Amino acid sequence: MVTWQLRKAQLSDLEAVKTLFDAHRRELGFVRRPSVAKSIGDDEVIVAVIGDNIIGAIHYHLRRDGQTTLYHIAVDANYRRAGVGAALLAELRAHCLTNGAGRIMLKCPAELPANDFYSHRGFQKAGVEEGKYRSLNVWILQVDNSSLS
């Protein structure tokens, strides 16, 4: 079995992260390169790697009010259901605990199977918003030591 590792993204990872997000455009929408570049510079992108290959990434923003907004998470299709997404999310939770963030919030198109992923990881559905093109489920995870399972 091939093992992967998690680390903070580096600016040299920008093209690979953008390519990964673009491969998931149906789920994520259009992800702007400058936004990802800024977040990498702010240490707000975590990647899963095998050697030099990025197989997963999570893009977020830690707000001053203690909320972390999860913008994008994607895993290469060849590595789905191998725990990569769960590990990226666990790493984000740990980062939130270290930095005093009390919750993680995200919006996910209502029709996507990813909603089950969030539900199984302790997120609570807080509502539904009408997006520009489709309905979005709003998910919140209260971050404390008990939610790190």
N, C-alpha and C. Protein backbone atom coordinates (compact mmCIF):
# COMPACT_ATOMS: atom_id res chain seq x y z
N MET A 1 0.83 -1.19 0.00
CA MET A 1 0.00 0.00 0.00
C MET A 1 0.88 1.25 0.00
N VAL A 2 0.52 2.20 -0.83
CA VAL A 2 1.25 3.46 -0.92
C VAL A 2 0.78 4.37 0.19
N THR A 3 1.73 4.98 0.89
CA THR A 3 1.36 5.89 1.97
C THR A 3 1.50 7.34 1.50
N TRP A 4 0.64 8.15 2.04
CA TRP A 4 0.66 9.57 1.72
C TRP A 4 0.92 10.34 3.00
N GLN A 5 1.31 11.59 2.83
CA GLN A 5 1.60 12.46 3.96
C GLN A 5 0.87 13.78 3.77
N LEU A 6 0.62 14.44 4.89
CA LEU A 6 -0.01 15.76 4.87
C LEU A 6 1.03 16.81 5.19
N ARG A 7 0.90 17.97 4.53
CA ARG A 7 1.77 19.11 4.83
C ARG A 7 1.09 20.37 4.36
N LYS A 8 1.59 21.50 4.86
CA LYS A 8 1.12 22.80 4.36
C LYS A 8 1.56 22.95 2.91
N ALA A 9 0.70 23.50 2.10
CA ALA A 9 1.05 23.74 0.70
C ALA A 9 2.12 24.82 0.60
N GLN A 10 2.91 24.71 -0.43
CA GLN A 10 3.93 25.70 -0.74
C GLN A 10 3.55 26.35 -2.07
N LEU A 11 4.07 27.53 -2.32
CA LEU A 11 3.73 28.23 -3.57
C LEU A 11 4.06 27.38 -4.79
N SER A 12 5.08 26.54 -4.70
CA SER A 12 5.42 25.66 -5.83
C SER A 12 4.34 24.61 -6.08
N ASP A 13 3.39 24.44 -5.15
CA ASP A 13 2.28 23.49 -5.31
C ASP A 13 1.08 24.12 -6.01
N LEU A 14 1.12 25.42 -6.27
CA LEU A 14 -0.07 26.13 -6.77
C LEU A 14 -0.66 25.48 -8.01
N GLU A 15 0.14 25.19 -9.01
CA GLU A 15 -0.41 24.64 -10.26
C GLU A 15 -1.05 23.28 -10.03
N ALA A 16 -0.42 22.44 -9.21
CA ALA A 16 -0.98 21.10 -8.95
C ALA A 16 -2.28 21.20 -8.16
N VAL A 17 -2.35 22.11 -7.20
CA VAL A 17 -3.59 22.30 -6.42
C VAL A 17 -4.68 22.84 -7.33
N LYS A 18 -4.36 23.82 -8.16
CA LYS A 18 -5.33 24.39 -9.09
C LYS A 18 -5.83 23.32 -10.06
N THR A 19 -4.94 22.48 -10.56
CA THR A 19 -5.34 21.40 -11.47
C THR A 19 -6.27 20.42 -10.77
N LEU A 20 -5.98 20.09 -9.51
CA LEU A 20 -6.85 19.19 -8.74
C LEU A 20 -8.23 19.82 -8.56
N PHE A 21 -8.28 21.08 -8.17
CA PHE A 21 -9.56 21.75 -7.99
C PHE A 21 -10.31 21.87 -9.32
N ASP A 22 -9.60 22.14 -10.40
CA ASP A 22 -10.25 22.24 -11.72
C ASP A 22 -10.85 20.90 -12.14
N ALA A 23 -10.22 19.80 -11.76
CA ALA A 23 -10.75 18.47 -12.08
C ALA A 23 -12.07 18.22 -11.35
N HIS A 24 -12.35 19.02 -10.33
CA HIS A 24 -13.58 18.89 -9.54
C HIS A 24 -14.47 20.13 -9.70
N ARG A 25 -14.41 20.74 -10.86
CA ARG A 25 -15.15 21.99 -11.11
C ARG A 25 -16.65 21.81 -10.93
N ARG A 26 -17.20 20.65 -11.30
CA ARG A 26 -18.64 20.43 -11.14
C ARG A 26 -19.04 20.55 -9.68
N GLU A 27 -18.21 20.04 -8.79
CA GLU A 27 -18.51 20.08 -7.37
C GLU A 27 -18.12 21.42 -6.74
N LEU A 28 -16.96 21.94 -7.11
CA LEU A 28 -16.40 23.12 -6.44
C LEU A 28 -16.74 24.44 -7.10
N GLY A 29 -17.11 24.40 -8.37
CA GLY A 29 -17.25 25.63 -9.12
C GLY A 29 -15.86 26.08 -9.58
N PHE A 30 -15.79 27.27 -10.11
CA PHE A 30 -14.51 27.79 -10.60
C PHE A 30 -13.70 28.32 -9.41
N VAL A 31 -12.51 27.79 -9.26
CA VAL A 31 -11.61 28.20 -8.17
C VAL A 31 -10.56 29.13 -8.78
N ARG A 32 -10.49 30.33 -8.23
CA ARG A 32 -9.57 31.33 -8.77
C ARG A 32 -8.14 31.10 -8.28
N ARG A 33 -7.21 31.08 -9.23
CA ARG A 33 -5.79 30.88 -8.94
C ARG A 33 -5.26 31.92 -7.94
N PRO A 34 -5.55 33.23 -8.10
CA PRO A 34 -5.04 34.21 -7.14
C PRO A 34 -5.53 33.95 -5.71
N SER A 35 -6.75 33.47 -5.57
CA SER A 35 -7.29 33.17 -4.25
C SER A 35 -6.52 32.03 -3.59
N VAL A 36 -6.25 30.99 -4.37
CA VAL A 36 -5.49 29.85 -3.83
C VAL A 36 -4.06 30.28 -3.52
N ALA A 37 -3.46 31.07 -4.39
CA ALA A 37 -2.09 31.55 -4.17
C ALA A 37 -2.00 32.35 -2.87
N LYS A 38 -2.97 33.25 -2.65
CA LYS A 38 -2.97 34.04 -1.42
C LYS A 38 -3.11 33.13 -0.21
N SER A 39 -4.00 32.16 -0.30
CA SER A 39 -4.21 31.25 0.83
C SER A 39 -2.99 30.39 1.11
N ILE A 40 -2.28 29.97 0.06
CA ILE A 40 -1.04 29.22 0.27
C ILE A 40 -0.05 30.12 1.01
N GLY A 41 0.05 31.38 0.60
CA GLY A 41 0.94 32.33 1.28
C GLY A 41 0.56 32.57 2.72
N ASP A 42 -0.74 32.44 3.03
CA ASP A 42 -1.24 32.62 4.39
C ASP A 42 -1.28 31.31 5.19
N ASP A 43 -0.68 30.24 4.65
CA ASP A 43 -0.69 28.91 5.29
C ASP A 43 -2.10 28.37 5.51
N GLU A 44 -2.98 28.57 4.53
CA GLU A 44 -4.37 28.13 4.64
C GLU A 44 -4.75 27.11 3.56
N VAL A 45 -3.77 26.34 3.14
CA VAL A 45 -4.00 25.21 2.24
C VAL A 45 -3.14 24.06 2.75
N ILE A 46 -3.78 22.90 2.93
CA ILE A 46 -3.08 21.68 3.34
C ILE A 46 -3.20 20.71 2.18
N VAL A 47 -2.10 20.01 1.89
CA VAL A 47 -2.12 19.04 0.79
C VAL A 47 -1.76 17.66 1.31
N ALA A 48 -2.27 16.66 0.61
CA ALA A 48 -1.89 15.26 0.82
C ALA A 48 -1.00 14.90 -0.36
N VAL A 49 0.14 14.33 -0.08
CA VAL A 49 1.11 14.04 -1.14
C VAL A 49 1.64 12.61 -1.05
N ILE A 50 1.94 12.09 -2.22
CA ILE A 50 2.73 10.86 -2.35
C ILE A 50 3.93 11.28 -3.16
N GLY A 51 5.09 11.30 -2.51
CA GLY A 51 6.28 11.82 -3.18
C GLY A 51 6.06 13.27 -3.55
N ASP A 52 6.16 13.58 -4.83
CA ASP A 52 5.94 14.95 -5.31
C ASP A 52 4.53 15.17 -5.85
N ASN A 53 3.69 14.14 -5.80
CA ASN A 53 2.35 14.23 -6.38
C ASN A 53 1.32 14.61 -5.33
N ILE A 54 0.55 15.64 -5.64
CA ILE A 54 -0.53 16.07 -4.76
C ILE A 54 -1.77 15.25 -5.10
N ILE A 55 -2.30 14.54 -4.09
CA ILE A 55 -3.46 13.69 -4.30
C ILE A 55 -4.71 14.24 -3.61
N GLY A 56 -4.55 15.29 -2.81
CA GLY A 56 -5.68 15.89 -2.12
C GLY A 56 -5.29 17.25 -1.60
N ALA A 57 -6.30 18.09 -1.39
CA ALA A 57 -6.04 19.43 -0.87
C ALA A 57 -7.29 19.96 -0.17
N ILE A 58 -7.05 20.77 0.85
CA ILE A 58 -8.12 21.46 1.56
C ILE A 58 -7.73 22.94 1.66
N HIS A 59 -8.66 23.80 1.29
CA HIS A 59 -8.45 25.25 1.21
C HIS A 59 -9.44 25.91 2.17
N TYR A 60 -8.94 26.70 3.09
CA TYR A 60 -9.79 27.26 4.15
C TYR A 60 -9.31 28.65 4.53
N HIS A 61 -10.08 29.30 5.41
CA HIS A 61 -9.68 30.59 5.96
C HIS A 61 -10.06 30.63 7.44
N LEU A 62 -9.10 30.91 8.27
CA LEU A 62 -9.32 31.06 9.71
C LEU A 62 -9.64 32.53 9.98
N ARG A 63 -10.89 32.80 10.32
CA ARG A 63 -11.33 34.17 10.55
C ARG A 63 -10.97 34.64 11.96
N ARG A 64 -10.92 35.94 12.13
CA ARG A 64 -10.60 36.52 13.44
C ARG A 64 -11.66 36.23 14.49
N ASP A 65 -12.91 36.00 14.05
CA ASP A 65 -13.99 35.76 15.01
C ASP A 65 -14.04 34.31 15.51
N GLY A 66 -13.05 33.49 15.13
CA GLY A 66 -12.98 32.12 15.62
C GLY A 66 -13.67 31.10 14.73
N GLN A 67 -14.18 31.53 13.60
CA GLN A 67 -14.77 30.58 12.66
C GLN A 67 -13.76 30.28 11.56
N THR A 68 -13.70 29.04 11.16
CA THR A 68 -12.91 28.66 10.00
C THR A 68 -13.88 28.35 8.88
N THR A 69 -13.67 28.97 7.73
CA THR A 69 -14.49 28.70 6.57
C THR A 69 -13.73 27.74 5.66
N LEU A 70 -14.33 26.58 5.40
CA LEU A 70 -13.74 25.61 4.49
C LEU A 70 -14.26 25.95 3.10
N TYR A 71 -13.35 26.35 2.22
CA TYR A 71 -13.74 26.75 0.87
C TYR A 71 -13.80 25.55 -0.08
N HIS A 72 -12.74 24.76 -0.09
CA HIS A 72 -12.65 23.66 -1.05
C HIS A 72 -11.91 22.48 -0.42
N ILE A 73 -12.36 21.29 -0.75
CA ILE A 73 -11.65 20.07 -0.42
C ILE A 73 -11.83 19.13 -1.61
N ALA A 74 -10.73 18.53 -2.06
CA ALA A 74 -10.80 17.62 -3.20
C ALA A 74 -9.73 16.54 -3.04
N VAL A 75 -10.08 15.35 -3.50
CA VAL A 75 -9.16 14.22 -3.50
C VAL A 75 -9.16 13.61 -4.89
N ASP A 76 -7.99 13.32 -5.41
CA ASP A 76 -7.86 12.68 -6.71
C ASP A 76 -8.72 11.42 -6.72
N ALA A 77 -9.43 11.19 -7.83
CA ALA A 77 -10.35 10.06 -7.94
C ALA A 77 -9.69 8.72 -7.63
N ASN A 78 -8.41 8.57 -7.93
CA ASN A 78 -7.70 7.31 -7.68
C ASN A 78 -7.46 7.05 -6.19
N TYR A 79 -7.68 8.04 -5.34
CA TYR A 79 -7.40 7.90 -3.91
C TYR A 79 -8.63 8.12 -3.04
N ARG A 80 -9.80 8.16 -3.65
CA ARG A 80 -11.02 8.32 -2.87
C ARG A 80 -11.28 7.06 -2.05
N ARG A 81 -11.92 7.25 -0.93
CA ARG A 81 -12.27 6.17 0.00
C ARG A 81 -11.04 5.49 0.61
N ALA A 82 -9.92 6.22 0.60
CA ALA A 82 -8.69 5.71 1.21
C ALA A 82 -8.35 6.49 2.48
N GLY A 83 -9.24 7.37 2.91
CA GLY A 83 -9.01 8.14 4.13
C GLY A 83 -8.33 9.47 3.94
N VAL A 84 -8.04 9.84 2.69
CA VAL A 84 -7.33 11.10 2.43
C VAL A 84 -8.19 12.29 2.84
N GLY A 85 -9.43 12.33 2.41
CA GLY A 85 -10.32 13.45 2.75
C GLY A 85 -10.53 13.56 4.25
N ALA A 86 -10.74 12.42 4.90
CA ALA A 86 -10.92 12.42 6.36
C ALA A 86 -9.66 12.92 7.06
N ALA A 87 -8.50 12.53 6.56
CA ALA A 87 -7.24 12.99 7.16
C ALA A 87 -7.04 14.49 6.97
N LEU A 88 -7.38 14.99 5.79
CA LEU A 88 -7.28 16.44 5.55
C LEU A 88 -8.20 17.20 6.50
N LEU A 89 -9.40 16.70 6.68
CA LEU A 89 -10.35 17.34 7.59
C LEU A 89 -9.88 17.26 9.04
N ALA A 90 -9.32 16.13 9.45
CA ALA A 90 -8.79 15.99 10.80
C ALA A 90 -7.63 16.95 11.03
N GLU A 91 -6.80 17.12 10.03
CA GLU A 91 -5.68 18.07 10.13
C GLU A 91 -6.21 19.50 10.28
N LEU A 92 -7.27 19.82 9.55
CA LEU A 92 -7.88 21.14 9.68
C LEU A 92 -8.46 21.32 11.08
N ARG A 93 -9.13 20.31 11.60
CA ARG A 93 -9.67 20.38 12.97
C ARG A 93 -8.55 20.64 13.98
N ALA A 94 -7.45 19.91 13.84
CA ALA A 94 -6.32 20.09 14.75
C ALA A 94 -5.77 21.51 14.65
N HIS A 95 -5.69 22.03 13.44
CA HIS A 95 -5.21 23.40 13.22
C HIS A 95 -6.17 24.39 13.90
N CYS A 96 -7.45 24.13 13.81
CA CYS A 96 -8.44 25.00 14.46
C CYS A 96 -8.26 25.00 15.97
N LEU A 97 -8.07 23.82 16.54
CA LEU A 97 -7.86 23.73 17.99
C LEU A 97 -6.63 24.50 18.42
N THR A 98 -5.56 24.34 17.68
CA THR A 98 -4.30 25.02 17.99
C THR A 98 -4.45 26.53 17.93
N ASN A 99 -5.30 27.01 17.02
CA ASN A 99 -5.43 28.44 16.79
C ASN A 99 -6.69 29.06 17.38
N GLY A 100 -7.38 28.31 18.24
CA GLY A 100 -8.52 28.85 18.97
C GLY A 100 -9.79 29.04 18.16
N ALA A 101 -9.88 28.38 17.02
CA ALA A 101 -11.11 28.47 16.22
C ALA A 101 -12.16 27.54 16.81
N GLY A 102 -13.36 28.03 16.99
CA GLY A 102 -14.40 27.26 17.64
C GLY A 102 -15.27 26.43 16.73
N ARG A 103 -15.25 26.74 15.42
CA ARG A 103 -16.08 25.96 14.51
C ARG A 103 -15.58 26.06 13.09
N ILE A 104 -15.99 25.07 12.30
CA ILE A 104 -15.72 25.05 10.87
C ILE A 104 -17.07 25.15 10.17
N MET A 105 -17.16 26.03 9.18
CA MET A 105 -18.38 26.20 8.41
C MET A 105 -18.05 25.99 6.94
N LEU A 106 -18.98 25.36 6.23
CA LEU A 106 -18.83 25.19 4.79
C LEU A 106 -20.19 25.16 4.14
N LYS A 107 -20.20 25.35 2.83
CA LYS A 107 -21.42 25.24 2.04
C LYS A 107 -21.16 24.22 0.95
N CYS A 108 -22.12 23.30 0.77
CA CYS A 108 -21.97 22.22 -0.19
C CYS A 108 -23.24 22.12 -1.03
N PRO A 109 -23.10 22.06 -2.36
CA PRO A 109 -24.29 21.88 -3.18
C PRO A 109 -25.13 20.70 -2.69
N ALA A 110 -26.43 20.93 -2.56
CA ALA A 110 -27.33 19.97 -1.92
C ALA A 110 -27.36 18.62 -2.61
N GLU A 111 -27.10 18.57 -3.90
CA GLU A 111 -27.22 17.31 -4.63
C GLU A 111 -25.97 16.43 -4.58
N LEU A 112 -24.90 16.91 -3.98
CA LEU A 112 -23.64 16.16 -4.01
C LEU A 112 -23.54 15.10 -2.92
N PRO A 113 -22.91 13.96 -3.24
CA PRO A 113 -22.67 12.93 -2.22
C PRO A 113 -21.76 13.41 -1.09
N ALA A 114 -21.02 14.48 -1.31
CA ALA A 114 -20.13 15.02 -0.27
C ALA A 114 -20.90 15.37 1.00
N ASN A 115 -22.19 15.64 0.89
CA ASN A 115 -22.98 15.94 2.08
C ASN A 115 -22.95 14.79 3.08
N ASP A 116 -22.97 13.56 2.58
CA ASP A 116 -22.86 12.39 3.47
C ASP A 116 -21.49 12.36 4.15
N PHE A 117 -20.45 12.73 3.42
CA PHE A 117 -19.09 12.78 3.98
C PHE A 117 -19.07 13.72 5.19
N TYR A 118 -19.65 14.90 5.04
CA TYR A 118 -19.64 15.87 6.14
C TYR A 118 -20.50 15.39 7.31
N SER A 119 -21.64 14.83 7.01
CA SER A 119 -22.52 14.33 8.06
C SER A 119 -21.83 13.23 8.88
N HIS A 120 -21.13 12.33 8.20
CA HIS A 120 -20.44 11.23 8.88
C HIS A 120 -19.24 11.70 9.68
N ARG A 121 -18.80 12.92 9.49
CA ARG A 121 -17.66 13.45 10.23
C ARG A 121 -18.07 14.45 11.28
N GLY A 122 -19.33 14.44 11.65
CA GLY A 122 -19.78 15.23 12.79
C GLY A 122 -20.33 16.60 12.47
N PHE A 123 -20.33 17.00 11.22
CA PHE A 123 -20.91 18.29 10.85
C PHE A 123 -22.42 18.22 11.03
N GLN A 124 -23.00 19.33 11.44
CA GLN A 124 -24.45 19.45 11.59
C GLN A 124 -24.97 20.38 10.48
N LYS A 125 -26.04 19.96 9.84
CA LYS A 125 -26.64 20.80 8.80
C LYS A 125 -27.35 21.96 9.48
N ALA A 126 -26.92 23.18 9.16
CA ALA A 126 -27.45 24.38 9.81
C ALA A 126 -28.50 25.08 8.96
N GLY A 127 -28.67 24.65 7.72
CA GLY A 127 -29.66 25.28 6.87
C GLY A 127 -29.35 25.07 5.41
N VAL A 128 -30.16 25.69 4.58
CA VAL A 128 -30.01 25.63 3.13
C VAL A 128 -30.09 27.05 2.60
N GLU A 129 -29.17 27.40 1.72
CA GLU A 129 -29.18 28.72 1.07
C GLU A 129 -29.32 28.52 -0.42
N GLU A 130 -29.98 29.46 -1.05
CA GLU A 130 -30.07 29.41 -2.50
C GLU A 130 -28.83 30.08 -3.08
N GLY A 131 -28.04 29.29 -3.78
CA GLY A 131 -26.86 29.82 -4.45
C GLY A 131 -27.24 30.40 -5.80
N LYS A 132 -26.25 30.84 -6.54
CA LYS A 132 -26.49 31.44 -7.85
C LYS A 132 -27.10 30.42 -8.82
N TYR A 133 -26.62 29.16 -8.73
CA TYR A 133 -27.07 28.14 -9.67
C TYR A 133 -27.76 26.95 -9.03
N ARG A 134 -27.57 26.77 -7.70
CA ARG A 134 -28.14 25.59 -7.04
C ARG A 134 -28.23 25.82 -5.55
N SER A 135 -29.01 24.98 -4.88
CA SER A 135 -29.16 25.07 -3.43
C SER A 135 -27.89 24.58 -2.74
N LEU A 136 -27.53 25.25 -1.66
CA LEU A 136 -26.33 24.91 -0.91
C LEU A 136 -26.70 24.55 0.53
N ASN A 137 -26.26 23.38 0.97
CA ASN A 137 -26.41 23.02 2.37
C ASN A 137 -25.30 23.71 3.16
N VAL A 138 -25.66 24.28 4.29
CA VAL A 138 -24.69 24.93 5.18
C VAL A 138 -24.40 23.94 6.31
N TRP A 139 -23.13 23.60 6.46
CA TRP A 139 -22.70 22.64 7.48
C TRP A 139 -21.79 23.33 8.49
N ILE A 140 -21.96 22.96 9.76
CA ILE A 140 -21.12 23.51 10.82
C ILE A 140 -20.62 22.37 11.70
N LEU A 141 -19.35 22.45 12.05
CA LEU A 141 -18.74 21.53 12.99
C LEU A 141 -18.19 22.33 14.16
N GLN A 142 -18.71 22.08 15.36
CA GLN A 142 -18.14 22.69 16.55
C GLN A 142 -16.82 21.98 16.83
N VAL A 143 -15.76 22.75 16.95
CA VAL A 143 -14.43 22.19 17.11
C VAL A 143 -14.04 22.19 18.58
N ASP A 144 -13.91 21.01 19.13
CA ASP A 144 -13.38 20.82 20.47
C ASP A 144 -12.76 19.43 20.51
N ASN A 145 -12.20 19.05 21.61
CA ASN A 145 -11.51 17.76 21.68
C ASN A 145 -12.42 16.59 21.40
N SER A 146 -13.72 16.69 21.70
CA SER A 146 -14.62 15.57 21.49
C SER A 146 -14.96 15.38 20.02
N SER A 147 -14.71 16.36 19.16
CA SER A 147 -15.07 16.22 17.75
C SER A 147 -13.93 15.65 16.92
N LEU A 148 -12.83 15.28 17.53
CA LEU A 148 -11.66 14.79 16.76
C LEU A 148 -11.69 13.29 16.56
N SER A 149 -12.82 12.73 16.24
CA SER A 149 -12.89 11.29 16.00
C SER A 149 -12.84 10.97 14.54
